[in-house]
Amino acid sequence: MKSITKQKSLEEIEQQLEGLERAYIIGCGTCATMTRTGGREEVVDMQDRLQGLGKMVTGWTVIPTACDEMTEVSLKENSGAIQNANCILLMACALGVHRVGSYIDKPVIPALDTLFIGLEDGPGDFHEVCAQCGQCILGQTGGICPIARCHKRLLNGPCGGTNNGKCEVDREKDCAWTLIYRRLKEQGRLDLMRKYHPVKNSQVVPRPRMARIL
């Protein structure tokens, strides 16, 4: 399961770097490398783009996983170049931004937008599998989440616009409830299609979300 990201526009990055003339660039060797948004090649390209804007890049690195405990180790290893920078330009997911920000007293500027948590169907092909809603019904939907897979987030069967198993909002995508029907049919559990699911209670997991494991 990976954090799926996309690069922000150079214009937005330049706006975020206003007043910050020296940047240290950090990429991620896991998710952002896989999605080609923050691996070695992208970091080197970003260095050239920042220099084209007149910014000074004091150095760069690609942390194996920007959101785990190795982050602090990598920051210490590169402390000299980091100290010479006004800020960190981070090419990793939002979790990585929070992690780096907890270890350093300089501004951490995200170069990426985090889109969703997804699984890889094939090389470079990802789909969202969980919306982290706090009320999981996968046991009744054959392991396919209608919140994450349905454009309308329908909980009780398909809308009237589905056609030949495709979504009316995006004809290139399969209808989530068609997928659920087929999965339940294979499992001999089609009776679950008649089960009513109440409207999601958005207060089940209040924001900001926290968890304490005892």
N, C-alpha and C. Protein backbone atom coordinates (compact mmCIF):
# COMPACT_ATOMS: atom_id res chain seq x y z
N MET A 1 0.84 -1.18 0.00
CA MET A 1 0.00 0.00 0.00
C MET A 1 0.88 1.24 0.00
N LYS A 2 0.62 2.18 -0.88
CA LYS A 2 1.49 3.33 -1.06
C LYS A 2 0.73 4.65 -0.97
N SER A 3 1.47 5.72 -0.63
CA SER A 3 0.93 7.06 -0.69
C SER A 3 1.10 7.55 -2.14
N ILE A 4 0.00 7.87 -2.78
CA ILE A 4 0.04 8.30 -4.18
C ILE A 4 0.09 9.82 -4.21
N THR A 5 1.09 10.35 -4.89
CA THR A 5 1.31 11.78 -4.92
C THR A 5 1.47 12.29 -6.34
N LYS A 6 1.35 13.61 -6.48
CA LYS A 6 1.67 14.26 -7.75
C LYS A 6 2.46 15.53 -7.43
N GLN A 7 3.32 15.92 -8.36
CA GLN A 7 4.11 17.12 -8.12
C GLN A 7 3.26 18.37 -8.24
N LYS A 8 3.50 19.31 -7.36
CA LYS A 8 2.89 20.62 -7.48
C LYS A 8 3.49 21.34 -8.69
N SER A 9 2.79 22.33 -9.20
CA SER A 9 3.33 23.10 -10.32
C SER A 9 4.52 23.91 -9.83
N LEU A 10 5.43 24.22 -10.75
CA LEU A 10 6.60 25.01 -10.39
C LEU A 10 6.17 26.38 -9.90
N GLU A 11 5.08 26.90 -10.44
CA GLU A 11 4.56 28.20 -10.00
C GLU A 11 4.16 28.16 -8.53
N GLU A 12 3.46 27.08 -8.11
CA GLU A 12 3.05 26.97 -6.70
C GLU A 12 4.25 26.80 -5.79
N ILE A 13 5.22 26.00 -6.24
CA ILE A 13 6.43 25.80 -5.44
C ILE A 13 7.17 27.11 -5.28
N GLU A 14 7.26 27.89 -6.35
CA GLU A 14 7.93 29.19 -6.28
C GLU A 14 7.22 30.11 -5.29
N GLN A 15 5.90 30.08 -5.28
CA GLN A 15 5.14 30.91 -4.34
C GLN A 15 5.43 30.51 -2.91
N GLN A 16 5.51 29.19 -2.66
CA GLN A 16 5.78 28.71 -1.31
C GLN A 16 7.19 29.06 -0.84
N LEU A 17 8.11 29.22 -1.81
CA LEU A 17 9.51 29.52 -1.50
C LEU A 17 9.79 31.01 -1.47
N GLU A 18 8.77 31.83 -1.56
CA GLU A 18 8.98 33.27 -1.54
C GLU A 18 9.71 33.69 -0.25
N GLY A 19 10.81 34.41 -0.43
CA GLY A 19 11.59 34.84 0.72
C GLY A 19 12.58 33.80 1.22
N LEU A 20 12.56 32.61 0.63
CA LEU A 20 13.47 31.53 1.02
C LEU A 20 14.38 31.24 -0.17
N GLU A 21 15.62 31.70 -0.09
CA GLU A 21 16.50 31.67 -1.25
C GLU A 21 17.41 30.44 -1.31
N ARG A 22 17.58 29.74 -0.19
CA ARG A 22 18.47 28.58 -0.16
C ARG A 22 17.69 27.36 0.33
N ALA A 23 17.62 26.36 -0.50
CA ALA A 23 16.81 25.18 -0.18
C ALA A 23 17.64 23.90 -0.21
N TYR A 24 17.29 23.01 0.68
CA TYR A 24 17.84 21.65 0.67
C TYR A 24 16.71 20.73 0.25
N ILE A 25 16.94 19.88 -0.74
CA ILE A 25 15.88 19.04 -1.30
C ILE A 25 15.97 17.62 -0.75
N ILE A 26 14.84 17.10 -0.31
CA ILE A 26 14.77 15.71 0.17
C ILE A 26 13.71 14.96 -0.63
N GLY A 27 14.09 13.80 -1.14
CA GLY A 27 13.16 12.91 -1.83
C GLY A 27 12.91 11.67 -1.00
N CYS A 28 12.01 10.83 -1.46
CA CYS A 28 11.67 9.59 -0.75
C CYS A 28 11.95 8.39 -1.65
N GLY A 29 12.65 7.42 -1.11
CA GLY A 29 13.03 6.25 -1.89
C GLY A 29 11.96 5.18 -1.99
N THR A 30 10.81 5.42 -1.39
CA THR A 30 9.75 4.39 -1.41
C THR A 30 8.59 4.85 -2.29
N CYS A 31 7.56 5.42 -1.70
CA CYS A 31 6.35 5.75 -2.45
C CYS A 31 6.60 6.77 -3.56
N ALA A 32 7.29 7.87 -3.22
CA ALA A 32 7.51 8.93 -4.21
C ALA A 32 8.42 8.48 -5.34
N THR A 33 9.31 7.54 -5.06
CA THR A 33 10.14 6.98 -6.13
C THR A 33 9.29 6.11 -7.05
N MET A 34 8.41 5.31 -6.45
CA MET A 34 7.56 4.43 -7.24
C MET A 34 6.60 5.22 -8.14
N THR A 35 6.08 6.33 -7.63
CA THR A 35 5.15 7.14 -8.42
C THR A 35 5.87 8.18 -9.28
N ARG A 36 7.19 8.17 -9.23
CA ARG A 36 8.03 9.07 -10.03
C ARG A 36 7.73 10.54 -9.75
N THR A 37 7.54 10.83 -8.48
CA THR A 37 7.29 12.21 -8.08
C THR A 37 8.37 12.74 -7.13
N GLY A 38 9.22 11.85 -6.60
CA GLY A 38 10.22 12.31 -5.65
C GLY A 38 11.39 11.36 -5.49
N GLY A 39 11.71 10.63 -6.55
CA GLY A 39 12.89 9.77 -6.52
C GLY A 39 14.13 10.53 -6.95
N ARG A 40 15.22 9.82 -7.15
CA ARG A 40 16.50 10.46 -7.48
C ARG A 40 16.39 11.35 -8.73
N GLU A 41 15.81 10.82 -9.80
CA GLU A 41 15.72 11.59 -11.05
C GLU A 41 14.90 12.86 -10.86
N GLU A 42 13.80 12.74 -10.12
CA GLU A 42 12.93 13.90 -9.90
C GLU A 42 13.60 14.95 -9.01
N VAL A 43 14.38 14.48 -8.03
CA VAL A 43 15.09 15.40 -7.14
C VAL A 43 16.15 16.18 -7.93
N VAL A 44 16.90 15.49 -8.77
CA VAL A 44 17.92 16.15 -9.58
C VAL A 44 17.27 17.16 -10.54
N ASP A 45 16.14 16.77 -11.13
CA ASP A 45 15.42 17.69 -12.01
C ASP A 45 14.92 18.91 -11.24
N MET A 46 14.43 18.70 -10.02
CA MET A 46 13.95 19.81 -9.20
C MET A 46 15.09 20.76 -8.86
N GLN A 47 16.27 20.21 -8.61
CA GLN A 47 17.43 21.06 -8.34
C GLN A 47 17.68 22.00 -9.52
N ASP A 48 17.63 21.47 -10.74
CA ASP A 48 17.84 22.31 -11.92
C ASP A 48 16.74 23.37 -12.05
N ARG A 49 15.51 22.98 -11.75
CA ARG A 49 14.39 23.92 -11.87
C ARG A 49 14.49 25.04 -10.85
N LEU A 50 14.90 24.70 -9.63
CA LEU A 50 15.05 25.74 -8.60
C LEU A 50 16.18 26.69 -8.96
N GLN A 51 17.28 26.14 -9.46
CA GLN A 51 18.39 26.98 -9.86
C GLN A 51 17.98 27.90 -11.02
N GLY A 52 17.08 27.41 -11.86
CA GLY A 52 16.56 28.23 -12.95
C GLY A 52 15.73 29.39 -12.44
N LEU A 53 15.20 29.24 -11.22
CA LEU A 53 14.43 30.31 -10.59
C LEU A 53 15.32 31.27 -9.80
N GLY A 54 16.62 30.98 -9.81
CA GLY A 54 17.55 31.83 -9.06
C GLY A 54 17.75 31.40 -7.63
N LYS A 55 17.24 30.23 -7.26
CA LYS A 55 17.41 29.72 -5.90
C LYS A 55 18.74 28.98 -5.78
N MET A 56 19.28 28.97 -4.57
CA MET A 56 20.49 28.19 -4.31
C MET A 56 20.09 26.87 -3.66
N VAL A 57 20.57 25.77 -4.20
CA VAL A 57 20.32 24.45 -3.62
C VAL A 57 21.58 24.03 -2.87
N THR A 58 21.49 23.93 -1.56
CA THR A 58 22.67 23.61 -0.75
C THR A 58 23.01 22.13 -0.75
N GLY A 59 22.10 21.32 -1.25
CA GLY A 59 22.33 19.88 -1.33
C GLY A 59 21.02 19.13 -1.46
N TRP A 60 21.12 17.81 -1.60
CA TRP A 60 19.90 17.00 -1.69
C TRP A 60 20.21 15.57 -1.27
N THR A 61 19.16 14.87 -0.91
CA THR A 61 19.28 13.45 -0.59
C THR A 61 17.94 12.78 -0.85
N VAL A 62 17.98 11.47 -0.98
CA VAL A 62 16.76 10.68 -1.09
C VAL A 62 16.76 9.71 0.09
N ILE A 63 15.86 9.95 1.04
CA ILE A 63 15.76 9.11 2.22
C ILE A 63 15.06 7.80 1.85
N PRO A 64 15.54 6.64 2.32
CA PRO A 64 14.89 5.37 1.97
C PRO A 64 13.37 5.40 2.15
N THR A 65 12.92 5.87 3.31
CA THR A 65 11.49 6.05 3.57
C THR A 65 11.35 7.33 4.39
N ALA A 66 10.79 8.37 3.79
CA ALA A 66 10.80 9.69 4.41
C ALA A 66 9.88 9.81 5.63
N CYS A 67 9.04 8.81 5.87
CA CYS A 67 8.08 8.93 6.97
C CYS A 67 8.39 7.99 8.14
N ASP A 68 9.58 7.38 8.17
CA ASP A 68 9.89 6.49 9.31
C ASP A 68 11.06 7.03 10.12
N GLU A 69 11.55 6.22 11.04
CA GLU A 69 12.57 6.68 11.97
C GLU A 69 13.91 6.94 11.30
N MET A 70 14.14 6.43 10.06
CA MET A 70 15.39 6.69 9.37
C MET A 70 15.50 8.14 8.94
N THR A 71 14.39 8.86 8.97
CA THR A 71 14.40 10.27 8.59
C THR A 71 15.35 11.06 9.46
N GLU A 72 15.27 10.86 10.77
CA GLU A 72 16.12 11.61 11.70
C GLU A 72 17.58 11.31 11.46
N VAL A 73 17.91 10.05 11.19
CA VAL A 73 19.29 9.65 10.92
C VAL A 73 19.82 10.36 9.68
N SER A 74 19.01 10.37 8.63
CA SER A 74 19.44 11.01 7.38
C SER A 74 19.63 12.51 7.55
N LEU A 75 18.75 13.14 8.31
CA LEU A 75 18.88 14.58 8.55
C LEU A 75 20.19 14.89 9.28
N LYS A 76 20.56 14.05 10.24
CA LYS A 76 21.80 14.26 10.98
C LYS A 76 23.01 14.06 10.06
N GLU A 77 22.93 13.09 9.17
CA GLU A 77 24.04 12.83 8.25
C GLU A 77 24.26 13.98 7.29
N ASN A 78 23.22 14.74 7.01
CA ASN A 78 23.32 15.84 6.05
C ASN A 78 23.14 17.20 6.73
N SER A 79 23.45 17.25 8.01
CA SER A 79 23.17 18.45 8.81
C SER A 79 23.91 19.69 8.31
N GLY A 80 25.12 19.50 7.78
CA GLY A 80 25.89 20.65 7.32
C GLY A 80 25.20 21.39 6.19
N ALA A 81 24.82 20.64 5.15
CA ALA A 81 24.14 21.25 4.00
C ALA A 81 22.77 21.77 4.39
N ILE A 82 22.12 21.09 5.33
CA ILE A 82 20.79 21.53 5.78
C ILE A 82 20.89 22.84 6.55
N GLN A 83 21.91 22.98 7.38
CA GLN A 83 22.08 24.20 8.15
C GLN A 83 22.33 25.41 7.26
N ASN A 84 22.92 25.19 6.08
CA ASN A 84 23.18 26.28 5.14
C ASN A 84 21.94 26.68 4.34
N ALA A 85 20.85 25.96 4.53
CA ALA A 85 19.62 26.23 3.78
C ALA A 85 18.64 27.02 4.64
N ASN A 86 17.76 27.77 3.98
CA ASN A 86 16.67 28.46 4.67
C ASN A 86 15.51 27.52 4.96
N CYS A 87 15.41 26.47 4.12
CA CYS A 87 14.23 25.59 4.20
C CYS A 87 14.54 24.23 3.60
N ILE A 88 13.62 23.31 3.82
CA ILE A 88 13.65 21.99 3.20
C ILE A 88 12.54 21.95 2.16
N LEU A 89 12.86 21.58 0.94
CA LEU A 89 11.83 21.30 -0.06
C LEU A 89 11.68 19.78 -0.09
N LEU A 90 10.54 19.30 0.37
CA LEU A 90 10.35 17.86 0.55
C LEU A 90 9.52 17.26 -0.57
N MET A 91 10.09 16.30 -1.27
CA MET A 91 9.41 15.60 -2.35
C MET A 91 8.96 14.24 -1.82
N ALA A 92 7.98 14.29 -0.92
CA ALA A 92 7.43 13.09 -0.29
C ALA A 92 5.98 13.38 0.06
N CYS A 93 5.30 12.39 0.62
CA CYS A 93 3.89 12.57 0.98
C CYS A 93 3.74 13.48 2.19
N ALA A 94 2.50 13.80 2.52
CA ALA A 94 2.22 14.68 3.65
C ALA A 94 2.74 14.11 4.96
N LEU A 95 2.73 12.78 5.10
CA LEU A 95 3.25 12.17 6.32
C LEU A 95 4.74 12.45 6.45
N GLY A 96 5.45 12.42 5.32
CA GLY A 96 6.87 12.74 5.33
C GLY A 96 7.11 14.18 5.73
N VAL A 97 6.24 15.08 5.27
CA VAL A 97 6.37 16.49 5.64
C VAL A 97 6.26 16.65 7.16
N HIS A 98 5.27 15.97 7.75
CA HIS A 98 5.10 16.03 9.20
C HIS A 98 6.31 15.43 9.92
N ARG A 99 6.82 14.32 9.40
CA ARG A 99 7.94 13.65 10.05
C ARG A 99 9.19 14.53 10.04
N VAL A 100 9.53 15.07 8.86
CA VAL A 100 10.72 15.92 8.77
C VAL A 100 10.53 17.17 9.63
N GLY A 101 9.33 17.74 9.60
CA GLY A 101 9.06 18.94 10.37
C GLY A 101 9.20 18.74 11.87
N SER A 102 9.05 17.51 12.33
CA SER A 102 9.16 17.24 13.76
C SER A 102 10.61 17.16 14.22
N TYR A 103 11.55 17.05 13.26
CA TYR A 103 12.96 16.90 13.61
C TYR A 103 13.78 18.15 13.34
N ILE A 104 13.21 19.15 12.70
CA ILE A 104 14.00 20.28 12.25
C ILE A 104 13.24 21.58 12.49
N ASP A 105 13.97 22.65 12.77
CA ASP A 105 13.33 23.93 13.08
C ASP A 105 13.26 24.86 11.88
N LYS A 106 13.47 24.35 10.69
CA LYS A 106 13.37 25.14 9.46
C LYS A 106 12.04 24.85 8.76
N PRO A 107 11.57 25.78 7.93
CA PRO A 107 10.34 25.52 7.18
C PRO A 107 10.50 24.28 6.28
N VAL A 108 9.50 23.42 6.30
CA VAL A 108 9.48 22.25 5.42
C VAL A 108 8.40 22.49 4.39
N ILE A 109 8.80 22.67 3.15
CA ILE A 109 7.90 23.03 2.07
C ILE A 109 7.56 21.79 1.24
N PRO A 110 6.28 21.41 1.12
CA PRO A 110 5.93 20.24 0.31
C PRO A 110 5.98 20.55 -1.18
N ALA A 111 6.66 19.72 -1.92
CA ALA A 111 6.71 19.85 -3.38
C ALA A 111 5.66 18.98 -4.05
N LEU A 112 4.96 18.15 -3.24
CA LEU A 112 3.99 17.21 -3.78
C LEU A 112 2.62 17.40 -3.12
N ASP A 113 1.59 16.98 -3.83
CA ASP A 113 0.25 16.86 -3.26
C ASP A 113 -0.02 15.38 -3.03
N THR A 114 -0.49 15.04 -1.83
CA THR A 114 -0.84 13.66 -1.52
C THR A 114 -2.28 13.40 -1.95
N LEU A 115 -2.48 12.43 -2.83
CA LEU A 115 -3.79 12.17 -3.41
C LEU A 115 -4.58 11.12 -2.64
N PHE A 116 -3.97 9.96 -2.39
CA PHE A 116 -4.68 8.89 -1.70
C PHE A 116 -3.72 7.76 -1.34
N ILE A 117 -4.23 6.83 -0.54
CA ILE A 117 -3.51 5.60 -0.23
C ILE A 117 -4.00 4.55 -1.21
N GLY A 118 -3.09 3.90 -1.93
CA GLY A 118 -3.54 2.98 -2.97
C GLY A 118 -2.70 1.73 -3.11
N LEU A 119 -3.23 0.81 -3.87
CA LEU A 119 -2.54 -0.42 -4.24
C LEU A 119 -2.17 -0.37 -5.71
N GLU A 120 -1.12 -1.09 -6.07
CA GLU A 120 -0.65 -1.11 -7.45
C GLU A 120 -1.26 -2.29 -8.19
N ASP A 121 -1.99 -1.99 -9.28
CA ASP A 121 -2.56 -3.04 -10.12
C ASP A 121 -1.52 -3.59 -11.09
N GLY A 122 -0.69 -2.71 -11.57
CA GLY A 122 0.37 -3.05 -12.52
C GLY A 122 1.41 -1.96 -12.46
N PRO A 123 2.51 -2.08 -13.19
CA PRO A 123 3.56 -1.06 -13.15
C PRO A 123 3.00 0.34 -13.40
N GLY A 124 3.06 1.21 -12.38
CA GLY A 124 2.62 2.58 -12.53
C GLY A 124 1.12 2.79 -12.50
N ASP A 125 0.36 1.74 -12.19
CA ASP A 125 -1.11 1.83 -12.20
C ASP A 125 -1.63 1.58 -10.79
N PHE A 126 -2.16 2.64 -10.15
CA PHE A 126 -2.60 2.55 -8.77
C PHE A 126 -4.08 2.88 -8.66
N HIS A 127 -4.75 2.30 -7.68
CA HIS A 127 -6.13 2.69 -7.40
C HIS A 127 -6.33 2.80 -5.89
N GLU A 128 -7.22 3.73 -5.51
CA GLU A 128 -7.52 3.95 -4.10
C GLU A 128 -8.31 2.78 -3.56
N VAL A 129 -7.94 2.32 -2.38
CA VAL A 129 -8.62 1.16 -1.80
C VAL A 129 -9.28 1.47 -0.47
N CYS A 130 -8.91 2.57 0.17
CA CYS A 130 -9.46 2.88 1.49
C CYS A 130 -9.55 4.38 1.69
N ALA A 131 -10.73 4.85 2.14
CA ALA A 131 -10.92 6.27 2.43
C ALA A 131 -10.73 6.57 3.91
N GLN A 132 -10.38 5.54 4.69
CA GLN A 132 -10.12 5.70 6.12
C GLN A 132 -11.28 6.42 6.82
N CYS A 133 -12.49 5.89 6.59
CA CYS A 133 -13.70 6.54 7.09
C CYS A 133 -14.01 6.19 8.54
N GLY A 134 -13.40 5.14 9.07
CA GLY A 134 -13.65 4.75 10.45
C GLY A 134 -14.86 3.87 10.64
N GLN A 135 -15.53 3.47 9.54
CA GLN A 135 -16.71 2.60 9.61
C GLN A 135 -16.63 1.57 8.49
N CYS A 136 -15.78 0.60 8.64
CA CYS A 136 -15.49 -0.34 7.56
C CYS A 136 -16.62 -1.35 7.33
N ILE A 137 -17.05 -1.47 6.07
CA ILE A 137 -18.09 -2.44 5.73
C ILE A 137 -17.58 -3.45 4.70
N LEU A 138 -16.28 -3.60 4.60
CA LEU A 138 -15.70 -4.50 3.60
C LEU A 138 -16.18 -5.93 3.75
N GLY A 139 -16.54 -6.32 4.98
CA GLY A 139 -17.03 -7.68 5.19
C GLY A 139 -18.35 -7.94 4.49
N GLN A 140 -19.11 -6.88 4.22
CA GLN A 140 -20.41 -7.03 3.55
C GLN A 140 -20.34 -6.68 2.07
N THR A 141 -19.19 -6.18 1.60
CA THR A 141 -19.08 -5.76 0.20
C THR A 141 -17.99 -6.51 -0.55
N GLY A 142 -17.65 -7.68 -0.06
CA GLY A 142 -16.68 -8.51 -0.77
C GLY A 142 -15.27 -7.95 -0.78
N GLY A 143 -14.95 -7.11 0.20
CA GLY A 143 -13.61 -6.56 0.25
C GLY A 143 -13.38 -5.39 -0.68
N ILE A 144 -14.44 -4.88 -1.30
CA ILE A 144 -14.34 -3.73 -2.21
C ILE A 144 -15.06 -2.56 -1.56
N CYS A 145 -14.36 -1.45 -1.36
CA CYS A 145 -14.93 -0.32 -0.62
C CYS A 145 -15.74 0.61 -1.53
N PRO A 146 -17.05 0.75 -1.29
CA PRO A 146 -17.85 1.65 -2.12
C PRO A 146 -17.54 3.12 -1.85
N ILE A 147 -17.02 3.43 -0.68
CA ILE A 147 -16.65 4.82 -0.39
C ILE A 147 -15.45 5.23 -1.23
N ALA A 148 -14.48 4.35 -1.34
CA ALA A 148 -13.26 4.67 -2.08
C ALA A 148 -13.41 4.44 -3.58
N ARG A 149 -14.27 3.50 -3.98
CA ARG A 149 -14.33 3.12 -5.40
C ARG A 149 -15.50 3.72 -6.16
N CYS A 150 -16.51 4.23 -5.45
CA CYS A 150 -17.69 4.80 -6.11
C CYS A 150 -17.59 6.32 -6.11
N HIS A 151 -17.75 6.95 -7.28
CA HIS A 151 -17.67 8.41 -7.37
C HIS A 151 -18.71 9.09 -6.47
N LYS A 152 -19.87 8.44 -6.30
CA LYS A 152 -20.96 9.03 -5.51
C LYS A 152 -20.97 8.52 -4.08
N ARG A 153 -20.01 7.64 -3.76
CA ARG A 153 -19.88 7.09 -2.40
C ARG A 153 -21.18 6.43 -1.93
N LEU A 154 -21.82 5.71 -2.85
CA LEU A 154 -23.10 5.06 -2.55
C LEU A 154 -22.88 3.81 -1.71
N LEU A 155 -23.73 3.64 -0.70
CA LEU A 155 -23.57 2.53 0.24
C LEU A 155 -24.56 1.39 0.02
N ASN A 156 -25.56 1.60 -0.82
CA ASN A 156 -26.62 0.60 -0.95
C ASN A 156 -26.94 0.28 -2.40
N GLY A 157 -25.93 -0.07 -3.14
CA GLY A 157 -26.14 -0.47 -4.52
C GLY A 157 -25.84 0.65 -5.50
N PRO A 158 -25.83 0.30 -6.80
CA PRO A 158 -25.45 1.27 -7.83
C PRO A 158 -26.53 2.31 -8.09
N CYS A 159 -26.12 3.41 -8.71
CA CYS A 159 -27.07 4.44 -9.12
C CYS A 159 -27.71 4.02 -10.44
N GLY A 160 -28.62 4.83 -10.93
CA GLY A 160 -29.30 4.50 -12.18
C GLY A 160 -28.48 4.79 -13.42
N GLY A 161 -27.29 5.36 -13.23
CA GLY A 161 -26.49 5.73 -14.39
C GLY A 161 -25.47 4.69 -14.81
N THR A 162 -25.28 3.64 -14.03
CA THR A 162 -24.31 2.62 -14.42
C THR A 162 -24.76 1.93 -15.70
N ASN A 163 -23.81 1.65 -16.58
CA ASN A 163 -24.14 1.07 -17.89
C ASN A 163 -23.06 0.09 -18.30
N ASN A 164 -23.47 -1.15 -18.51
CA ASN A 164 -22.53 -2.21 -18.90
C ASN A 164 -21.33 -2.29 -17.94
N GLY A 165 -21.64 -2.10 -16.66
CA GLY A 165 -20.60 -2.25 -15.65
C GLY A 165 -19.67 -1.06 -15.51
N LYS A 166 -19.98 0.04 -16.18
CA LYS A 166 -19.12 1.22 -16.12
C LYS A 166 -19.82 2.36 -15.37
N CYS A 167 -19.02 3.26 -14.82
CA CYS A 167 -19.51 4.39 -14.04
C CYS A 167 -19.98 5.51 -14.96
N GLU A 168 -21.11 6.14 -14.63
CA GLU A 168 -21.60 7.23 -15.48
C GLU A 168 -20.76 8.50 -15.33
N VAL A 169 -20.07 8.65 -14.21
CA VAL A 169 -19.22 9.83 -14.01
C VAL A 169 -17.93 9.71 -14.81
N ASP A 170 -17.37 8.50 -14.86
CA ASP A 170 -16.14 8.23 -15.60
C ASP A 170 -16.30 6.90 -16.32
N ARG A 171 -16.57 6.96 -17.61
CA ARG A 171 -16.85 5.74 -18.38
C ARG A 171 -15.64 4.81 -18.51
N GLU A 172 -14.48 5.30 -18.11
CA GLU A 172 -13.29 4.46 -18.16
C GLU A 172 -13.17 3.59 -16.91
N LYS A 173 -13.97 3.89 -15.89
CA LYS A 173 -13.86 3.16 -14.62
C LYS A 173 -15.02 2.19 -14.44
N ASP A 174 -14.70 1.08 -13.79
CA ASP A 174 -15.74 0.10 -13.48
C ASP A 174 -16.64 0.63 -12.38
N CYS A 175 -17.92 0.32 -12.48
CA CYS A 175 -18.87 0.65 -11.42
C CYS A 175 -18.50 -0.15 -10.18
N ALA A 176 -18.32 0.52 -9.06
CA ALA A 176 -17.92 -0.15 -7.82
C ALA A 176 -18.91 -1.23 -7.44
N TRP A 177 -20.21 -0.93 -7.60
CA TRP A 177 -21.21 -1.90 -7.16
C TRP A 177 -21.34 -3.08 -8.12
N THR A 178 -20.93 -2.90 -9.37
CA THR A 178 -20.84 -4.04 -10.27
C THR A 178 -19.72 -4.97 -9.82
N LEU A 179 -18.60 -4.37 -9.42
CA LEU A 179 -17.48 -5.16 -8.91
C LEU A 179 -17.88 -5.90 -7.64
N ILE A 180 -18.61 -5.21 -6.77
CA ILE A 180 -19.06 -5.83 -5.52
C ILE A 180 -20.01 -6.98 -5.82
N TYR A 181 -20.94 -6.77 -6.73
CA TYR A 181 -21.89 -7.83 -7.12
C TYR A 181 -21.15 -9.07 -7.62
N ARG A 182 -20.19 -8.86 -8.51
CA ARG A 182 -19.47 -9.99 -9.07
C ARG A 182 -18.68 -10.73 -8.00
N ARG A 183 -18.05 -9.98 -7.09
CA ARG A 183 -17.27 -10.61 -6.03
C ARG A 183 -18.16 -11.42 -5.10
N LEU A 184 -19.30 -10.85 -4.70
CA LEU A 184 -20.21 -11.56 -3.81
C LEU A 184 -20.82 -12.78 -4.50
N LYS A 185 -21.07 -12.66 -5.80
CA LYS A 185 -21.61 -13.81 -6.54
C LYS A 185 -20.60 -14.96 -6.55
N GLU A 186 -19.33 -14.63 -6.76
CA GLU A 186 -18.27 -15.65 -6.75
C GLU A 186 -18.19 -16.32 -5.38
N GLN A 187 -18.46 -15.55 -4.33
CA GLN A 187 -18.37 -16.07 -2.97
C GLN A 187 -19.65 -16.75 -2.50
N GLY A 188 -20.70 -16.71 -3.33
CA GLY A 188 -21.98 -17.28 -2.93
C GLY A 188 -22.64 -16.49 -1.82
N ARG A 189 -22.45 -15.16 -1.82
CA ARG A 189 -23.00 -14.33 -0.74
C ARG A 189 -23.82 -13.17 -1.30
N LEU A 190 -24.52 -13.37 -2.39
CA LEU A 190 -25.30 -12.30 -3.01
C LEU A 190 -26.41 -11.76 -2.10
N ASP A 191 -26.78 -12.53 -1.11
CA ASP A 191 -27.80 -12.05 -0.19
C ASP A 191 -27.38 -10.76 0.52
N LEU A 192 -26.07 -10.53 0.60
CA LEU A 192 -25.57 -9.32 1.25
C LEU A 192 -25.89 -8.06 0.45
N MET A 193 -26.23 -8.23 -0.83
CA MET A 193 -26.60 -7.07 -1.64
C MET A 193 -27.89 -6.44 -1.12
N ARG A 194 -28.69 -7.21 -0.38
CA ARG A 194 -29.95 -6.70 0.16
C ARG A 194 -29.80 -6.05 1.53
N LYS A 195 -28.60 -6.11 2.07
CA LYS A 195 -28.36 -5.54 3.40
C LYS A 195 -28.30 -4.02 3.31
N TYR A 196 -29.02 -3.36 4.19
CA TYR A 196 -29.05 -1.89 4.20
C TYR A 196 -27.91 -1.35 5.06
N HIS A 197 -27.19 -0.37 4.50
CA HIS A 197 -26.12 0.29 5.23
C HIS A 197 -26.53 1.73 5.52
N PRO A 198 -26.61 2.12 6.78
CA PRO A 198 -27.02 3.49 7.12
C PRO A 198 -26.01 4.52 6.64
N VAL A 199 -26.46 5.75 6.56
CA VAL A 199 -25.59 6.85 6.14
C VAL A 199 -24.39 6.93 7.07
N LYS A 200 -23.23 7.21 6.51
CA LYS A 200 -22.01 7.30 7.31
C LYS A 200 -22.12 8.41 8.36
N ASN A 201 -21.67 8.11 9.54
CA ASN A 201 -21.63 9.08 10.61
C ASN A 201 -20.25 9.74 10.61
N SER A 202 -20.20 10.97 10.13
CA SER A 202 -18.91 11.64 9.97
C SER A 202 -18.25 11.97 11.30
N GLN A 203 -18.98 11.80 12.41
CA GLN A 203 -18.43 12.10 13.73
C GLN A 203 -17.83 10.87 14.42
N VAL A 204 -17.88 9.71 13.75
CA VAL A 204 -17.32 8.51 14.35
C VAL A 204 -15.84 8.69 14.64
N VAL A 205 -15.13 9.30 13.72
CA VAL A 205 -13.71 9.57 13.91
C VAL A 205 -13.53 11.08 13.82
N PRO A 206 -13.64 11.80 14.95
CA PRO A 206 -13.55 13.26 14.93
C PRO A 206 -12.17 13.73 14.48
N ARG A 207 -12.13 14.92 13.92
CA ARG A 207 -10.87 15.50 13.47
C ARG A 207 -10.35 16.48 14.50
N PRO A 208 -9.02 16.61 14.66
CA PRO A 208 -8.02 15.75 14.04
C PRO A 208 -8.03 14.35 14.64
N ARG A 209 -7.81 13.35 13.79
CA ARG A 209 -7.92 11.96 14.23
C ARG A 209 -6.70 11.53 15.04
N MET A 210 -6.96 10.77 16.09
CA MET A 210 -5.90 10.25 16.94
C MET A 210 -6.23 8.82 17.36
N ALA A 211 -5.21 8.07 17.67
CA ALA A 211 -5.41 6.70 18.16
C ALA A 211 -4.36 6.40 19.22
N ARG A 212 -4.77 5.71 20.25
CA ARG A 212 -3.84 5.31 21.31
C ARG A 212 -3.90 3.79 21.44
N ILE A 213 -2.76 3.15 21.18
CA ILE A 213 -2.70 1.68 21.25
C ILE A 213 -2.20 1.30 22.65
N LEU A 214 -3.03 0.59 23.40
CA LEU A 214 -2.69 0.21 24.77
C LEU A 214 -2.16 -1.21 24.80
